[in-house]
Amino acid sequence: MTSTPTPTVFPPLSRLADLVHALTSGAATSRQLTEIALDRIAEPTGQGANTFIHVDASAALVAADASDALRRAGTVLSPLMGLPISVKDLFDISGQVTRAGSLALGDAPGASVDAVAVARLRRAGAVLIGRTNMSEFAFSGLGLNPHFGTPLSPFRRSEALVAGGSSSGAAVSVADGMAAAALGTDTGGSVRIPAALCGLTGFKPTARRIPRAGAVPLSSTLDSIGPLAPSVACCALMDRILAGLDPVLPREQSIRGARIGVLSNVVLDELEPAVASAYERALQQLAAAGAQLTDFHFAPLDQLAQINRYGFSAIEALAWHRHLIAERGMQYDQRVRKRILRAESATALDYVDLLAARRALISQAEAAWREFDVVALPTVALTPPKLAELEVDEEHFIALNAKMLRNPSIINFLDGCALTLPCHRHGEAPVGLSLAALADNDERVLGLGLSAQRVLDAAR
């Protein structure tokens, strides 16, 4: 006999701790949570069709039943056990085709093994609910996909605003309660942008923290794997499981006395008024809670646009895609194809110079940022733009895509880690505040993020 789903135990944006409590207290079963998620995906008037490229309903229910059986027997594998988790279509799942949001890989063979990140989620007992839609080959910050549809931000959905990319479906799956948390990737903001535009928390770890084996690459230099979820605590648990660590929260660092460097150049240029207002208000709230805020101008950022005229993503993507484009280039999203092919004019010397410039910039950041616990910046300069305008005006698409990627891509270039926290008031357009640090400071960023989110949520 099939159990009756009880949506009240799994409202959209439920925090993982609340879902774990529902499971441990007997208020819900994994099958019920999974059925609720599947019902939301299948809702004809909802976003499921644009959010998921593949829904693995039968396997998810089998996994949910197995989780319930383990729990009845007194075995709990991790806090994720029994919770429905979505997986970006960039990751291999054994037996499934990894399309990376593209038609060009549609007839590729199914994966023989899980990606490392997927295998770690599976070992933790997560219920893998399905593969989420994305910008094709992860090469856009706006989230449009002409092949499988474009997921929409939950904000003013009737206005059809984009969810951001490239992990667009990942964000919407969480925002709409089709998953408890999502597995995404971040090369220039692809976790943090959709998290910000959908009112979620997202975490981009140090690139080497989580193995990338089994994920279709965009940039072998910049690619990172990270979670999108309702809170910092949710992201921290996901991150530790993905990193192969014990699934416990990092030590919370008090916001009182925290040294926060507030970037004053590049990242504040041409902010939308709604972004500027919410960001300034968030900084004031952190200062009122005792944080020590210091404005600082990091001059090397002023040269980054010129340094990055080709960028790692285009050059390294071309190396991976050149044969596939030659065979199936007309099956690509042509905007993505053009971005990849712009690297055809780059030389080996350009790439060597880019590597050297990155090393130099990281060295300068290590000297300038060491006096701060974290650095603050607006996650993105924009609120969610309208899909229709981006679909019909290529110049508008190019301009907004560059503007959307500008702030978060700085952290990838510097080999850093960063959280985005929602800092808008309820009912306002979604805005993200980023707290960032350089490589291998993930635990510090997460620990301070736990405290910062408490402050920001109290004022929302």
Foldseek 3Di string as FASTA:
>chain_A
DQDDADCVQQAFQDALVSNLCCPLVVVDALLNLLVVLVCQLPPPPHQNQLWFPWFPNVQLNVLRVVLRVCVVVVDQLASQASFEEEEALQFADAQAFRQQLFPLRVPPGHDNHTFLLVVLSVSNRHRHGGHTHFARNFPFFFQARPPRGFGAAPFPVVLAFGLTAGNRSQLVSRRRRSGQKYKDKCQLQRFPSSCQQNQWKKKFAQAPQADPGRGRDQFPQQMHIFMIHRALLRRQQSSQSRSVHHRDAFAADALAAAFEEEEDPDQQPQFDPQQVVLQVVLVVLSVVSHHHYDYDYLPVLVCVCVLQVLHRRLQRNCVVCVVSCVVPVVRHPVVSVVNNCVCVPPDPVSVVSSVVSLVVSLVSCCVVVVVGLWYKGWSARDHGDHPVVVVPDVVVSVVVRCRRSRPRNVQSSSSKMKMWHFRHDPPDGGTTMIIIDHHPSRSSRSSHRNNSNVSRVVVD
